[in-house]
């Protein structure tokens, strides 16, 4: 399953210097509906791409959407900060 979306980068209020983008609600619902082996915190393995940067990570459920954590190296490489808009492509591996 591949998903493409644009989302705003935000800093997690509970942990300064942790940055995320949220997967929109419709694709999040599609991801949640797919059967998969249970993983810690409900995580789902993905390969994420923003700009020229691709990395393996997991997305995490939070309410009605999943959150994609952004590594500091990704932020630097793509010139992103809180409030920036990121064009994201996810390849969902679980399910």
C-alpha atoms as a PDB file:
ATOM      1  CA  UNK A   1       0.000   0.000   0.000  1.00  0.00           C
ATOM      2  CA  UNK A   2       1.385   3.415  -1.043  1.00  0.00           C
ATOM      3  CA  UNK A   3       0.078   6.692   0.295  1.00  0.00           C
ATOM      4  CA  UNK A   4       0.962  10.226  -0.821  1.00  0.00           C
ATOM      5  CA  UNK A   5      -0.060  13.326   1.110  1.00  0.00           C
ATOM      6  CA  UNK A   6       0.978  16.809   2.171  1.00  0.00           C
ATOM      7  CA  UNK A   7       1.024  17.698   5.867  1.00  0.00           C
ATOM      8  CA  UNK A   8       2.316  20.323   8.262  1.00  0.00           C
ATOM      9  CA  UNK A   9       5.362  19.497  10.380  1.00  0.00           C
ATOM     10  CA  UNK A  10       4.727  19.952  14.094  1.00  0.00           C
ATOM     11  CA  UNK A  11       6.731  19.643  17.292  1.00  0.00           C
ATOM     12  CA  UNK A  12       5.241  17.286  19.879  1.00  0.00           C
ATOM     13  CA  UNK A  13       4.217  19.383  22.890  1.00  0.00           C
ATOM     14  CA  UNK A  14       5.076  16.581  25.345  1.00  0.00           C
ATOM     15  CA  UNK A  15       8.642  16.201  24.021  1.00  0.00           C
ATOM     16  CA  UNK A  16      10.484  19.243  22.681  1.00  0.00           C
ATOM     17  CA  UNK A  17      12.631  18.537  19.614  1.00  0.00           C
ATOM     18  CA  UNK A  18      10.430  15.590  18.504  1.00  0.00           C
ATOM     19  CA  UNK A  19       8.833  16.370  15.148  1.00  0.00           C
ATOM     20  CA  UNK A  20       5.997  14.633  13.292  1.00  0.00           C
ATOM     21  CA  UNK A  21       3.512  14.870  10.446  1.00  0.00           C
ATOM     22  CA  UNK A  22       0.064  13.281  10.656  1.00  0.00           C
ATOM     23  CA  UNK A  23      -1.224  10.864   8.033  1.00  0.00           C
ATOM     24  CA  UNK A  24      -4.645  12.185   6.919  1.00  0.00           C
ATOM     25  CA  UNK A  25      -7.727  10.519   8.409  1.00  0.00           C
ATOM     26  CA  UNK A  26      -8.918   8.580   5.330  1.00  0.00           C
ATOM     27  CA  UNK A  27      -5.615   6.794   4.620  1.00  0.00           C
ATOM     28  CA  UNK A  28      -5.154   6.316   8.390  1.00  0.00           C
ATOM     29  CA  UNK A  29      -8.503   4.496   8.497  1.00  0.00           C
ATOM     30  CA  UNK A  30      -7.426   2.315   5.552  1.00  0.00           C
ATOM     31  CA  UNK A  31      -4.185   1.444   7.359  1.00  0.00           C
ATOM     32  CA  UNK A  32      -6.021   0.665  10.604  1.00  0.00           C
ATOM     33  CA  UNK A  33      -8.470  -1.623   8.776  1.00  0.00           C
ATOM     34  CA  UNK A  34      -5.732  -3.862   7.357  1.00  0.00           C
ATOM     35  CA  UNK A  35      -5.083  -7.035   9.372  1.00  0.00           C
ATOM     36  CA  UNK A  36      -1.562  -7.280  10.775  1.00  0.00           C
ATOM     37  CA  UNK A  37       0.488  -8.834  13.528  1.00  0.00           C
ATOM     38  CA  UNK A  38       0.290  -6.731  16.704  1.00  0.00           C
ATOM     39  CA  UNK A  39       3.357  -4.540  17.358  1.00  0.00           C
ATOM     40  CA  UNK A  40       4.286  -2.350  20.295  1.00  0.00           C
ATOM     41  CA  UNK A  41       2.186   0.794  20.660  1.00  0.00           C
ATOM     42  CA  UNK A  42       0.167  -0.253  17.585  1.00  0.00           C
ATOM     43  CA  UNK A  43       3.087   0.743  15.351  1.00  0.00           C
ATOM     44  CA  UNK A  44       2.997   0.022  11.615  1.00  0.00           C
ATOM     45  CA  UNK A  45       6.245  -0.406   9.662  1.00  0.00           C
ATOM     46  CA  UNK A  46       6.702   1.945   6.692  1.00  0.00           C
ATOM     47  CA  UNK A  47       9.263   3.303   4.298  1.00  0.00           C
ATOM     48  CA  UNK A  48       8.870   7.080   4.188  1.00  0.00           C
ATOM     49  CA  UNK A  49      10.066   9.527   1.553  1.00  0.00           C
ATOM     50  CA  UNK A  50      10.129  13.311   1.799  1.00  0.00           C
ATOM     51  CA  UNK A  51      11.884  15.052  -1.057  1.00  0.00           C
ATOM     52  CA  UNK A  52      15.101  13.174  -1.794  1.00  0.00           C
ATOM     53  CA  UNK A  53      15.227  11.517   1.640  1.00  0.00           C
ATOM     54  CA  UNK A  54      13.957   7.954   2.187  1.00  0.00           C
ATOM     55  CA  UNK A  55      14.105   6.064   5.488  1.00  0.00           C
ATOM     56  CA  UNK A  56      12.560   3.074   7.279  1.00  0.00           C
ATOM     57  CA  UNK A  57      10.492   3.803  10.376  1.00  0.00           C
ATOM     58  CA  UNK A  58       7.101   3.161  11.940  1.00  0.00           C
ATOM     59  CA  UNK A  59       3.955   5.249  12.170  1.00  0.00           C
ATOM     60  CA  UNK A  60       2.043   5.354  15.443  1.00  0.00           C
ATOM     61  CA  UNK A  61      -1.698   5.621  16.087  1.00  0.00           C
ATOM     62  CA  UNK A  62      -2.962   8.679  17.912  1.00  0.00           C
ATOM     63  CA  UNK A  63      -6.694   9.230  17.898  1.00  0.00           C
ATOM     64  CA  UNK A  64      -8.072   8.969  14.369  1.00  0.00           C
ATOM     65  CA  UNK A  65      -4.751   9.314  12.531  1.00  0.00           C
ATOM     66  CA  UNK A  66      -1.241   7.907  12.494  1.00  0.00           C
ATOM     67  CA  UNK A  67       1.794  10.065  13.221  1.00  0.00           C
ATOM     68  CA  UNK A  68       5.041   9.805  11.249  1.00  0.00           C
ATOM     69  CA  UNK A  69       8.128  10.726  13.292  1.00  0.00           C
ATOM     70  CA  UNK A  70      10.688  12.846  11.445  1.00  0.00           C
ATOM     71  CA  UNK A  71      14.350  12.218  12.197  1.00  0.00           C
ATOM     72  CA  UNK A  72      16.560  15.246  12.716  1.00  0.00           C
ATOM     73  CA  UNK A  73      18.586  14.187   9.635  1.00  0.00           C
ATOM     74  CA  UNK A  74      15.404  14.327   7.518  1.00  0.00           C
ATOM     75  CA  UNK A  75      14.509  17.770   8.838  1.00  0.00           C
ATOM     76  CA  UNK A  76      17.998  19.078   8.017  1.00  0.00           C
ATOM     77  CA  UNK A  77      18.262  17.392   4.613  1.00  0.00           C
ATOM     78  CA  UNK A  78      14.871  18.698   3.466  1.00  0.00           C
ATOM     79  CA  UNK A  79      15.034  22.117   5.165  1.00  0.00           C
ATOM     80  CA  UNK A  80      11.981  21.443   7.348  1.00  0.00           C
ATOM     81  CA  UNK A  81      10.961  22.866  10.716  1.00  0.00           C
ATOM     82  CA  UNK A  82       7.752  23.204  12.722  1.00  0.00           C
ATOM     83  CA  UNK A  83       5.141  24.830  10.495  1.00  0.00           C
ATOM     84  CA  UNK A  84       6.756  23.678   7.232  1.00  0.00           C
ATOM     85  CA  UNK A  85       4.699  21.736   4.718  1.00  0.00           C
ATOM     86  CA  UNK A  86       6.051  18.316   3.752  1.00  0.00           C
ATOM     87  CA  UNK A  87       5.094  16.193   0.740  1.00  0.00           C
ATOM     88  CA  UNK A  88       5.180  12.618   2.028  1.00  0.00           C
ATOM     89  CA  UNK A  89       5.099   9.214   0.392  1.00  0.00           C
ATOM     90  CA  UNK A  90       4.609   6.153   2.589  1.00  0.00           C
ATOM     91  CA  UNK A  91       4.965   2.524   1.626  1.00  0.00           C
ATOM     92  CA  UNK A  92       3.112   0.544   4.294  1.00  0.00           C
ATOM     93  CA  UNK A  93       4.771  -2.838   4.961  1.00  0.00           C
ATOM     94  CA  UNK A  94       2.556  -4.444   7.592  1.00  0.00           C
ATOM     95  CA  UNK A  95      -0.637  -6.154   6.655  1.00  0.00           C
END
